[in-house]
All heavy atoms as atom14 arrays in JSON, in Angstrom:
{
  "sequence": "EGLVDIKLTVERQMAVAERQAETVDRLLREGLADIKLTVERQVVVAER",
  "atom14_mask": [
    [1, 1, 1, 1, 1, 1, 1, 1, 1, 0, 0, 0, 0, 0],
    [1, 1, 1, 1, 0, 0, 0, 0, 0, 0, 0, 0, 0, 0],
    [1, 1, 1, 1, 1, 1, 1, 1, 0, 0, 0, 0, 0, 0],
    [1, 1, 1, 1, 1, 1, 1, 0, 0, 0, 0, 0, 0, 0],
    [1, 1, 1, 1, 1, 1, 1, 1, 0, 0, 0, 0, 0, 0],
    [1, 1, 1, 1, 1, 1, 1, 1, 0, 0, 0, 0, 0, 0],
    [1, 1, 1, 1, 1, 1, 1, 1, 1, 0, 0, 0, 0, 0],
    [1, 1, 1, 1, 1, 1, 1, 1, 0, 0, 0, 0, 0, 0],
    [1, 1, 1, 1, 1, 1, 1, 0, 0, 0, 0, 0, 0, 0],
    [1, 1, 1, 1, 1, 1, 1, 0, 0, 0, 0, 0, 0, 0],
    [1, 1, 1, 1, 1, 1, 1, 1, 1, 0, 0, 0, 0, 0],
    [1, 1, 1, 1, 1, 1, 1, 1, 1, 1, 1, 0, 0, 0],
    [1, 1, 1, 1, 1, 1, 1, 1, 1, 0, 0, 0, 0, 0],
    [1, 1, 1, 1, 1, 1, 1, 1, 0, 0, 0, 0, 0, 0],
    [1, 1, 1, 1, 1, 0, 0, 0, 0, 0, 0, 0, 0, 0],
    [1, 1, 1, 1, 1, 1, 1, 0, 0, 0, 0, 0, 0, 0],
    [1, 1, 1, 1, 1, 0, 0, 0, 0, 0, 0, 0, 0, 0],
    [1, 1, 1, 1, 1, 1, 1, 1, 1, 0, 0, 0, 0, 0],
    [1, 1, 1, 1, 1, 1, 1, 1, 1, 1, 1, 0, 0, 0],
    [1, 1, 1, 1, 1, 1, 1, 1, 1, 0, 0, 0, 0, 0],
    [1, 1, 1, 1, 1, 0, 0, 0, 0, 0, 0, 0, 0, 0],
    [1, 1, 1, 1, 1, 1, 1, 1, 1, 0, 0, 0, 0, 0],
    [1, 1, 1, 1, 1, 1, 1, 0, 0, 0, 0, 0, 0, 0],
    [1, 1, 1, 1, 1, 1, 1, 0, 0, 0, 0, 0, 0, 0],
    [1, 1, 1, 1, 1, 1, 1, 1, 0, 0, 0, 0, 0, 0],
    [1, 1, 1, 1, 1, 1, 1, 1, 1, 1, 1, 0, 0, 0],
    [1, 1, 1, 1, 1, 1, 1, 1, 0, 0, 0, 0, 0, 0],
    [1, 1, 1, 1, 1, 1, 1, 1, 0, 0, 0, 0, 0, 0],
    [1, 1, 1, 1, 1, 1, 1, 1, 1, 1, 1, 0, 0, 0],
    [1, 1, 1, 1, 1, 1, 1, 1, 1, 0, 0, 0, 0, 0],
    [1, 1, 1, 1, 0, 0, 0, 0, 0, 0, 0, 0, 0, 0],
    [1, 1, 1, 1, 1, 1, 1, 1, 0, 0, 0, 0, 0, 0],
    [1, 1, 1, 1, 1, 0, 0, 0, 0, 0, 0, 0, 0, 0],
    [1, 1, 1, 1, 1, 1, 1, 1, 0, 0, 0, 0, 0, 0],
    [1, 1, 1, 1, 1, 1, 1, 1, 0, 0, 0, 0, 0, 0],
    [1, 1, 1, 1, 1, 1, 1, 1, 1, 0, 0, 0, 0, 0],
    [1, 1, 1, 1, 1, 1, 1, 1, 0, 0, 0, 0, 0, 0],
    [1, 1, 1, 1, 1, 1, 1, 0, 0, 0, 0, 0, 0, 0],
    [1, 1, 1, 1, 1, 1, 1, 0, 0, 0, 0, 0, 0, 0],
    [1, 1, 1, 1, 1, 1, 1, 1, 1, 0, 0, 0, 0, 0],
    [1, 1, 1, 1, 1, 1, 1, 1, 1, 1, 1, 0, 0, 0],
    [1, 1, 1, 1, 1, 1, 1, 1, 1, 0, 0, 0, 0, 0],
    [1, 1, 1, 1, 1, 1, 1, 0, 0, 0, 0, 0, 0, 0],
    [1, 1, 1, 1, 1, 1, 1, 0, 0, 0, 0, 0, 0, 0],
    [1, 1, 1, 1, 1, 1, 1, 0, 0, 0, 0, 0, 0, 0],
    [1, 1, 1, 1, 1, 0, 0, 0, 0, 0, 0, 0, 0, 0],
    [1, 1, 1, 1, 1, 1, 1, 1, 1, 0, 0, 0, 0, 0],
    [1, 1, 1, 1, 1, 1, 1, 1, 1, 1, 1, 0, 0, 0]
  ],
  "atom14_positions": [
    [[95.45, 132.63, 83.08], [94.15, 131.95, 82.96], [94.2, 130.62, 83.76], [93.25, 130.31, 84.57], [93.66, 131.75, 81.62], [93.18, 133.04, 80.85], [92.92, 132.8, 79.47], [92.93, 131.68, 78.91], [92.65, 133.84, 78.77], [0.0, 0.0, 0.0], [0.0, 0.0, 0.0], [0.0, 0.0, 0.0], [0.0, 0.0, 0.0], [0.0, 0.0, 0.0]],
    [[95.31, 129.9, 83.48], [95.54, 128.59, 84.12], [95.55, 128.82, 85.66], [95.07, 127.87, 86.42], [0.0, 0.0, 0.0], [0.0, 0.0, 0.0], [0.0, 0.0, 0.0], [0.0, 0.0, 0.0], [0.0, 0.0, 0.0], [0.0, 0.0, 0.0], [0.0, 0.0, 0.0], [0.0, 0.0, 0.0], [0.0, 0.0, 0.0], [0.0, 0.0, 0.0]],
    [[96.29, 129.8, 86.08], [96.41, 130.1, 87.54], [95.2, 130.36, 88.18], [94.77, 129.88, 89.28], [97.46, 131.13, 87.79], [98.94, 130.77, 87.51], [99.73, 132.14, 87.62], [99.34, 129.79, 88.55], [0.0, 0.0, 0.0], [0.0, 0.0, 0.0], [0.0, 0.0, 0.0], [0.0, 0.0, 0.0], [0.0, 0.0, 0.0], [0.0, 0.0, 0.0]],
    [[94.33, 131.14, 87.53], [93.03, 131.47, 88.07], [92.13, 130.22, 88.1], [91.44, 130.05, 89.1], [92.28, 132.54, 87.13], [90.81, 132.68, 87.52], [92.97, 133.92, 87.24], [0.0, 0.0, 0.0], [0.0, 0.0, 0.0], [0.0, 0.0, 0.0], [0.0, 0.0, 0.0], [0.0, 0.0, 0.0], [0.0, 0.0, 0.0], [0.0, 0.0, 0.0]],
    [[92.27, 129.34, 87.09], [91.4, 128.16, 87.16], [91.91, 127.28, 88.32], [91.18, 126.65, 89.11], [91.54, 127.31, 85.87], [90.8, 128.04, 84.7], [89.98, 128.88, 84.94], [91.13, 127.7, 83.46], [0.0, 0.0, 0.0], [0.0, 0.0, 0.0], [0.0, 0.0, 0.0], [0.0, 0.0, 0.0], [0.0, 0.0, 0.0], [0.0, 0.0, 0.0]],
    [[93.26, 127.16, 88.45], [93.83, 126.34, 89.57], [93.48, 126.92, 90.84], [92.98, 126.19, 91.85], [95.3, 126.24, 89.44], [95.69, 125.29, 88.23], [95.94, 125.66, 90.65], [97.16, 125.38, 87.89], [0.0, 0.0, 0.0], [0.0, 0.0, 0.0], [0.0, 0.0, 0.0], [0.0, 0.0, 0.0], [0.0, 0.0, 0.0], [0.0, 0.0, 0.0]],
    [[93.53, 128.17, 90.99], [93.16, 128.81, 92.31], [91.64, 128.54, 92.7], [91.28, 128.21, 93.73], [93.36, 130.36, 92.2], [93.0, 131.08, 93.48], [93.09, 132.56, 93.37], [92.8, 133.27, 94.72], [92.78, 134.72, 94.5], [0.0, 0.0, 0.0], [0.0, 0.0, 0.0], [0.0, 0.0, 0.0], [0.0, 0.0, 0.0], [0.0, 0.0, 0.0]],
    [[90.8, 128.69, 91.63], [89.35, 128.39, 91.96], [89.1, 126.94, 92.21], [88.37, 126.58, 93.17], [88.51, 128.78, 90.63], [88.47, 130.28, 90.42], [87.75, 130.47, 89.09], [87.72, 131.03, 91.53], [0.0, 0.0, 0.0], [0.0, 0.0, 0.0], [0.0, 0.0, 0.0], [0.0, 0.0, 0.0], [0.0, 0.0, 0.0], [0.0, 0.0, 0.0]],
    [[89.86, 126.08, 91.59], [89.7, 124.61, 91.95], [90.1, 124.31, 93.26], [89.56, 123.59, 94.02], [90.54, 123.77, 90.81], [90.08, 124.03, 89.56], [90.5, 122.29, 91.21], [0.0, 0.0, 0.0], [0.0, 0.0, 0.0], [0.0, 0.0, 0.0], [0.0, 0.0, 0.0], [0.0, 0.0, 0.0], [0.0, 0.0, 0.0], [0.0, 0.0, 0.0]],
    [[91.34, 124.84, 93.69], [91.93, 124.68, 95.03], [90.93, 125.28, 96.08], [90.64, 124.57, 97.1], [93.27, 125.35, 95.17], [93.82, 125.37, 96.56], [94.31, 124.57, 94.32], [0.0, 0.0, 0.0], [0.0, 0.0, 0.0], [0.0, 0.0, 0.0], [0.0, 0.0, 0.0], [0.0, 0.0, 0.0], [0.0, 0.0, 0.0], [0.0, 0.0, 0.0]],
    [[90.38, 126.47, 95.78], [89.4, 126.98, 96.74], [88.24, 126.08, 96.9], [87.75, 125.94, 98.01], [89.03, 128.45, 96.34], [90.08, 129.45, 96.44], [89.74, 130.73, 95.93], [88.68, 130.95, 95.22], [90.49, 131.67, 96.08], [0.0, 0.0, 0.0], [0.0, 0.0, 0.0], [0.0, 0.0, 0.0], [0.0, 0.0, 0.0], [0.0, 0.0, 0.0]],
    [[87.67, 125.61, 95.79], [86.55, 124.71, 95.91], [86.85, 123.39, 96.62], [86.14, 122.93, 97.47], [86.03, 124.39, 94.48], [85.24, 125.45, 93.86], [84.55, 124.95, 92.65], [85.46, 124.72, 91.6], [85.75, 125.44, 90.51], [85.15, 126.59, 90.37], [86.57, 125.07, 89.57], [0.0, 0.0, 0.0], [0.0, 0.0, 0.0], [0.0, 0.0, 0.0]],
    [[88.04, 122.84, 96.41], [88.54, 121.61, 97.06], [88.69, 121.83, 98.48], [88.43, 121.05, 99.38], [89.77, 121.12, 96.35], [89.46, 120.44, 95.04], [90.77, 119.85, 94.38], [91.79, 120.15, 94.86], [90.5, 118.93, 93.51], [0.0, 0.0, 0.0], [0.0, 0.0, 0.0], [0.0, 0.0, 0.0], [0.0, 0.0, 0.0], [0.0, 0.0, 0.0]],
    [[89.26, 123.07, 98.83], [89.47, 123.32, 100.26], [88.02, 123.42, 100.94], [87.9, 122.95, 102.06], [90.27, 124.69, 100.45], [91.65, 124.57, 99.99], [92.65, 123.26, 100.82], [92.94, 124.16, 102.36], [0.0, 0.0, 0.0], [0.0, 0.0, 0.0], [0.0, 0.0, 0.0], [0.0, 0.0, 0.0], [0.0, 0.0, 0.0], [0.0, 0.0, 0.0]],
    [[87.06, 124.06, 100.27], [85.81, 124.21, 100.87], [85.13, 122.73, 101.11], [84.61, 122.41, 102.16], [84.85, 125.04, 100.04], [0.0, 0.0, 0.0], [0.0, 0.0, 0.0], [0.0, 0.0, 0.0], [0.0, 0.0, 0.0], [0.0, 0.0, 0.0], [0.0, 0.0, 0.0], [0.0, 0.0, 0.0], [0.0, 0.0, 0.0], [0.0, 0.0, 0.0]],
    [[85.31, 122.0, 100.08], [84.84, 120.54, 100.24], [85.58, 119.89, 101.32], [84.94, 119.17, 102.03], [84.99, 119.9, 98.78], [84.79, 118.34, 99.0], [84.01, 120.44, 97.75], [0.0, 0.0, 0.0], [0.0, 0.0, 0.0], [0.0, 0.0, 0.0], [0.0, 0.0, 0.0], [0.0, 0.0, 0.0], [0.0, 0.0, 0.0], [0.0, 0.0, 0.0]],
    [[86.88, 119.98, 101.27], [87.58, 119.29, 102.39], [87.25, 119.76, 103.79], [87.09, 118.92, 104.66], [89.18, 119.52, 102.12], [0.0, 0.0, 0.0], [0.0, 0.0, 0.0], [0.0, 0.0, 0.0], [0.0, 0.0, 0.0], [0.0, 0.0, 0.0], [0.0, 0.0, 0.0], [0.0, 0.0, 0.0], [0.0, 0.0, 0.0], [0.0, 0.0, 0.0]],
    [[86.97, 121.01, 103.91], [86.44, 121.51, 105.28], [85.16, 120.86, 105.58], [84.97, 120.48, 106.67], [86.38, 123.06, 105.19], [87.62, 123.7, 105.19], [87.54, 125.26, 105.13], [86.47, 125.78, 105.17], [88.65, 125.86, 104.86], [0.0, 0.0, 0.0], [0.0, 0.0, 0.0], [0.0, 0.0, 0.0], [0.0, 0.0, 0.0], [0.0, 0.0, 0.0]],
    [[84.21, 120.84, 104.61], [82.84, 120.21, 104.92], [83.11, 118.75, 105.23], [82.47, 118.19, 106.08], [82.01, 120.4, 103.68], [81.49, 121.85, 103.59], [80.27, 121.96, 102.63], [80.57, 121.42, 101.36], [81.06, 122.04, 100.3], [81.44, 123.28, 100.5], [81.39, 121.52, 99.17], [0.0, 0.0, 0.0], [0.0, 0.0, 0.0], [0.0, 0.0, 0.0]],
    [[83.91, 118.2, 104.46], [84.15, 116.69, 104.67], [84.8, 116.48, 106.1], [84.58, 115.5, 106.73], [85.02, 116.05, 103.61], [84.32, 115.9, 102.22], [85.18, 115.46, 101.17], [86.36, 115.57, 101.14], [84.55, 114.81, 100.11], [0.0, 0.0, 0.0], [0.0, 0.0, 0.0], [0.0, 0.0, 0.0], [0.0, 0.0, 0.0], [0.0, 0.0, 0.0]],
    [[85.72, 117.37, 106.42], [86.4, 117.23, 107.78], [85.32, 117.34, 108.86], [85.36, 116.58, 109.89], [87.41, 118.27, 107.95], [0.0, 0.0, 0.0], [0.0, 0.0, 0.0], [0.0, 0.0, 0.0], [0.0, 0.0, 0.0], [0.0, 0.0, 0.0], [0.0, 0.0, 0.0], [0.0, 0.0, 0.0], [0.0, 0.0, 0.0], [0.0, 0.0, 0.0]],
    [[84.36, 118.24, 108.71], [83.26, 118.34, 109.7], [82.53, 117.0, 109.75], [82.17, 116.52, 110.86], [82.37, 119.49, 109.4], [83.04, 120.92, 109.54], [82.19, 121.97, 108.89], [81.1, 121.76, 108.46], [82.67, 123.15, 109.01], [0.0, 0.0, 0.0], [0.0, 0.0, 0.0], [0.0, 0.0, 0.0], [0.0, 0.0, 0.0], [0.0, 0.0, 0.0]],
    [[82.27, 116.52, 108.6], [81.43, 115.23, 108.49], [82.31, 114.05, 109.06], [81.82, 113.28, 109.86], [81.11, 114.84, 107.06], [80.31, 115.92, 106.52], [80.34, 113.6, 106.87], [0.0, 0.0, 0.0], [0.0, 0.0, 0.0], [0.0, 0.0, 0.0], [0.0, 0.0, 0.0], [0.0, 0.0, 0.0], [0.0, 0.0, 0.0], [0.0, 0.0, 0.0]],
    [[83.59, 114.01, 108.86], [84.41, 113.07, 109.28], [84.52, 113.12, 110.84], [84.48, 112.1, 111.51], [85.97, 113.21, 108.72], [86.93, 112.47, 109.46], [85.9, 112.77, 107.3], [0.0, 0.0, 0.0], [0.0, 0.0, 0.0], [0.0, 0.0, 0.0], [0.0, 0.0, 0.0], [0.0, 0.0, 0.0], [0.0, 0.0, 0.0], [0.0, 0.0, 0.0]],
    [[84.57, 114.25, 111.44], [84.6, 114.37, 112.87], [83.47, 113.7, 113.49], [83.53, 112.92, 114.43], [84.72, 115.86, 113.34], [86.0, 116.4, 113.15], [87.03, 115.65, 112.99], [86.13, 117.69, 113.05], [0.0, 0.0, 0.0], [0.0, 0.0, 0.0], [0.0, 0.0, 0.0], [0.0, 0.0, 0.0], [0.0, 0.0, 0.0], [0.0, 0.0, 0.0]],
    [[82.23, 113.9, 112.8], [81.04, 113.33, 113.36], [81.06, 111.82, 113.28], [80.74, 111.03, 114.11], [79.8, 113.85, 112.69], [78.45, 113.36, 113.13], [77.33, 113.91, 112.35], [77.43, 114.03, 110.89], [77.16, 112.93, 110.06], [76.74, 111.81, 110.64], [77.35, 113.06, 108.79], [0.0, 0.0, 0.0], [0.0, 0.0, 0.0], [0.0, 0.0, 0.0]],
    [[81.49, 111.36, 112.0], [81.58, 109.93, 111.67], [82.62, 109.2, 112.54], [82.4, 108.03, 112.85], [81.77, 109.69, 110.22], [80.57, 110.08, 109.38], [81.0, 109.96, 107.86], [79.32, 109.32, 109.65], [0.0, 0.0, 0.0], [0.0, 0.0, 0.0], [0.0, 0.0, 0.0], [0.0, 0.0, 0.0], [0.0, 0.0, 0.0], [0.0, 0.0, 0.0]],
    [[83.76, 109.98, 112.81], [84.78, 109.27, 113.65], [84.29, 108.87, 115.01], [84.63, 107.99, 115.61], [86.05, 110.13, 113.69], [86.87, 110.21, 112.43], [88.02, 111.23, 112.57], [87.46, 108.83, 112.18], [0.0, 0.0, 0.0], [0.0, 0.0, 0.0], [0.0, 0.0, 0.0], [0.0, 0.0, 0.0], [0.0, 0.0, 0.0], [0.0, 0.0, 0.0]],
    [[83.42, 109.85, 115.47], [82.82, 109.47, 116.87], [82.05, 108.25, 116.71], [81.84, 107.61, 117.76], [82.05, 110.63, 117.38], [82.83, 111.94, 117.69], [82.08, 112.95, 118.33], [81.06, 113.54, 117.42], [81.24, 114.71, 116.72], [82.38, 115.32, 116.75], [80.26, 115.07, 115.98], [0.0, 0.0, 0.0], [0.0, 0.0, 0.0], [0.0, 0.0, 0.0]],
    [[81.61, 107.93, 115.62], [80.79, 106.72, 115.33], [81.68, 105.55, 114.9], [81.23, 104.43, 114.66], [79.67, 106.94, 114.31], [78.72, 108.02, 114.76], [77.76, 108.36, 113.66], [77.77, 107.8, 112.56], [77.06, 109.34, 113.87], [0.0, 0.0, 0.0], [0.0, 0.0, 0.0], [0.0, 0.0, 0.0], [0.0, 0.0, 0.0], [0.0, 0.0, 0.0]],
    [[82.89, 105.84, 114.77], [83.9, 104.65, 114.46], [84.34, 104.52, 113.0], [84.71, 103.46, 112.59], [0.0, 0.0, 0.0], [0.0, 0.0, 0.0], [0.0, 0.0, 0.0], [0.0, 0.0, 0.0], [0.0, 0.0, 0.0], [0.0, 0.0, 0.0], [0.0, 0.0, 0.0], [0.0, 0.0, 0.0], [0.0, 0.0, 0.0], [0.0, 0.0, 0.0]],
    [[84.22, 105.6, 112.19], [84.59, 105.41, 110.78], [85.85, 106.11, 110.42], [85.96, 107.17, 109.8], [83.42, 105.99, 109.93], [82.09, 105.26, 110.13], [80.99, 106.01, 109.39], [82.14, 103.69, 109.69], [0.0, 0.0, 0.0], [0.0, 0.0, 0.0], [0.0, 0.0, 0.0], [0.0, 0.0, 0.0], [0.0, 0.0, 0.0], [0.0, 0.0, 0.0]],
    [[86.88, 105.62, 110.9], [88.31, 106.28, 110.78], [88.86, 106.22, 109.36], [89.6, 107.13, 108.99], [89.28, 105.57, 111.71], [0.0, 0.0, 0.0], [0.0, 0.0, 0.0], [0.0, 0.0, 0.0], [0.0, 0.0, 0.0], [0.0, 0.0, 0.0], [0.0, 0.0, 0.0], [0.0, 0.0, 0.0], [0.0, 0.0, 0.0], [0.0, 0.0, 0.0]],
    [[88.35, 105.36, 108.53], [88.86, 105.28, 107.04], [88.37, 106.57, 106.31], [89.16, 106.95, 105.4], [88.37, 104.0, 106.47], [86.85, 103.88, 106.36], [86.14, 104.35, 107.39], [86.39, 103.25, 105.41], [0.0, 0.0, 0.0], [0.0, 0.0, 0.0], [0.0, 0.0, 0.0], [0.0, 0.0, 0.0], [0.0, 0.0, 0.0], [0.0, 0.0, 0.0]],
    [[87.31, 107.11, 106.73], [86.88, 108.42, 105.98], [87.76, 109.67, 106.34], [88.19, 110.34, 105.41], [85.45, 108.77, 106.32], [84.52, 107.68, 105.81], [85.03, 110.07, 105.84], [83.07, 107.85, 106.22], [0.0, 0.0, 0.0], [0.0, 0.0, 0.0], [0.0, 0.0, 0.0], [0.0, 0.0, 0.0], [0.0, 0.0, 0.0], [0.0, 0.0, 0.0]],
    [[88.3, 109.61, 107.51], [89.26, 110.62, 107.92], [90.63, 110.57, 106.98], [91.06, 111.55, 106.67], [89.64, 110.45, 109.41], [90.71, 111.62, 109.77], [91.03, 111.49, 111.3], [91.93, 112.63, 111.55], [92.51, 112.52, 112.91], [0.0, 0.0, 0.0], [0.0, 0.0, 0.0], [0.0, 0.0, 0.0], [0.0, 0.0, 0.0], [0.0, 0.0, 0.0]],
    [[90.96, 109.31, 106.79], [92.21, 109.16, 105.96], [92.0, 109.7, 104.55], [92.88, 110.3, 103.99], [92.49, 107.68, 105.96], [93.79, 107.28, 105.12], [95.07, 107.92, 105.6], [93.96, 105.83, 105.05], [0.0, 0.0, 0.0], [0.0, 0.0, 0.0], [0.0, 0.0, 0.0], [0.0, 0.0, 0.0], [0.0, 0.0, 0.0], [0.0, 0.0, 0.0]],
    [[90.78, 109.38, 104.03], [90.49, 109.97, 102.61], [90.46, 111.42, 102.69], [91.03, 112.08, 101.69], [89.07, 109.52, 102.27], [89.05, 108.07, 102.2], [88.7, 110.06, 100.93], [0.0, 0.0, 0.0], [0.0, 0.0, 0.0], [0.0, 0.0, 0.0], [0.0, 0.0, 0.0], [0.0, 0.0, 0.0], [0.0, 0.0, 0.0], [0.0, 0.0, 0.0]],
    [[89.92, 112.07, 103.63], [89.85, 113.55, 103.66], [91.31, 114.1, 103.83], [91.68, 115.14, 103.14], [88.94, 114.0, 104.78], [89.1, 115.55, 105.06], [87.55, 113.72, 104.51], [0.0, 0.0, 0.0], [0.0, 0.0, 0.0], [0.0, 0.0, 0.0], [0.0, 0.0, 0.0], [0.0, 0.0, 0.0], [0.0, 0.0, 0.0], [0.0, 0.0, 0.0]],
    [[92.05, 113.37, 104.78], [93.44, 113.91, 104.88], [94.25, 113.78, 103.5], [95.06, 114.63, 103.23], [94.23, 113.02, 105.9], [93.7, 113.37, 107.35], [94.17, 112.3, 108.39], [94.74, 111.25, 107.96], [94.04, 112.65, 109.6], [0.0, 0.0, 0.0], [0.0, 0.0, 0.0], [0.0, 0.0, 0.0], [0.0, 0.0, 0.0], [0.0, 0.0, 0.0]],
    [[93.94, 112.84, 102.76], [94.6, 112.63, 101.5], [94.08, 113.75, 100.52], [94.96, 114.33, 99.76], [94.27, 111.28, 100.86], [95.06, 110.13, 101.48], [94.66, 108.79, 100.91], [95.27, 107.72, 101.58], [94.93, 106.51, 101.6], [93.92, 106.12, 100.87], [95.63, 105.59, 102.18], [0.0, 0.0, 0.0], [0.0, 0.0, 0.0], [0.0, 0.0, 0.0]],
    [[92.86, 114.12, 100.58], [92.42, 115.25, 99.76], [92.97, 116.48, 100.18], [93.25, 117.39, 99.29], [90.84, 115.3, 99.83], [90.09, 114.08, 99.15], [88.71, 114.16, 99.3], [88.18, 114.72, 100.19], [88.0, 113.43, 98.33], [0.0, 0.0, 0.0], [0.0, 0.0, 0.0], [0.0, 0.0, 0.0], [0.0, 0.0, 0.0], [0.0, 0.0, 0.0]],
    [[93.2, 116.72, 101.43], [93.83, 117.96, 101.8], [95.28, 117.97, 101.32], [95.83, 119.03, 100.85], [93.83, 118.07, 103.44], [94.78, 119.15, 103.97], [92.48, 118.24, 103.93], [0.0, 0.0, 0.0], [0.0, 0.0, 0.0], [0.0, 0.0, 0.0], [0.0, 0.0, 0.0], [0.0, 0.0, 0.0], [0.0, 0.0, 0.0], [0.0, 0.0, 0.0]],
    [[96.01, 116.83, 101.38], [97.31, 116.85, 100.79], [97.37, 117.12, 99.33], [98.13, 117.94, 98.86], [97.99, 115.39, 101.08], [99.29, 115.27, 100.29], [98.19, 115.14, 102.53], [0.0, 0.0, 0.0], [0.0, 0.0, 0.0], [0.0, 0.0, 0.0], [0.0, 0.0, 0.0], [0.0, 0.0, 0.0], [0.0, 0.0, 0.0], [0.0, 0.0, 0.0]],
    [[96.29, 116.58, 98.65], [96.26, 116.9, 97.21], [95.97, 118.41, 97.07], [96.68, 119.14, 96.23], [95.12, 116.08, 96.55], [94.84, 116.71, 95.13], [95.52, 114.6, 96.48], [0.0, 0.0, 0.0], [0.0, 0.0, 0.0], [0.0, 0.0, 0.0], [0.0, 0.0, 0.0], [0.0, 0.0, 0.0], [0.0, 0.0, 0.0], [0.0, 0.0, 0.0]],
    [[95.16, 119.02, 97.84], [94.87, 120.41, 97.74], [96.1, 121.27, 97.99], [96.31, 122.26, 97.29], [93.72, 120.83, 98.63], [0.0, 0.0, 0.0], [0.0, 0.0, 0.0], [0.0, 0.0, 0.0], [0.0, 0.0, 0.0], [0.0, 0.0, 0.0], [0.0, 0.0, 0.0], [0.0, 0.0, 0.0], [0.0, 0.0, 0.0], [0.0, 0.0, 0.0]],
    [[96.85, 120.83, 98.99], [98.02, 121.59, 99.39], [99.07, 121.43, 98.22], [99.71, 122.37, 97.95], [98.68, 120.94, 100.61], [97.86, 121.42, 101.86], [98.32, 120.62, 103.16], [99.07, 119.59, 103.04], [97.92, 121.04, 104.17], [0.0, 0.0, 0.0], [0.0, 0.0, 0.0], [0.0, 0.0, 0.0], [0.0, 0.0, 0.0], [0.0, 0.0, 0.0]],
    [[99.16, 120.21, 97.58], [100.13, 120.13, 96.39], [99.64, 120.98, 95.24], [100.55, 121.53, 94.52], [100.04, 118.66, 96.04], [100.93, 117.74, 97.0], [100.96, 116.39, 96.5], [101.67, 115.57, 97.48], [101.48, 114.3, 97.52], [100.7, 113.59, 96.64], [102.17, 113.57, 98.46], [0.0, 0.0, 0.0], [0.0, 0.0, 0.0], [0.0, 0.0, 0.0]]
  ]
}
């Protein structure tokens, strides 16, 4: 049960991270590099 919960959480976080990455790409073009770092950290957390 715990593994299923973790898997669902990771899947949700990966989906969120992907959406955020898309947003980051747009914002980076506008000069907001600090958001990219946040998303990269979230991806690292999801990978862990």
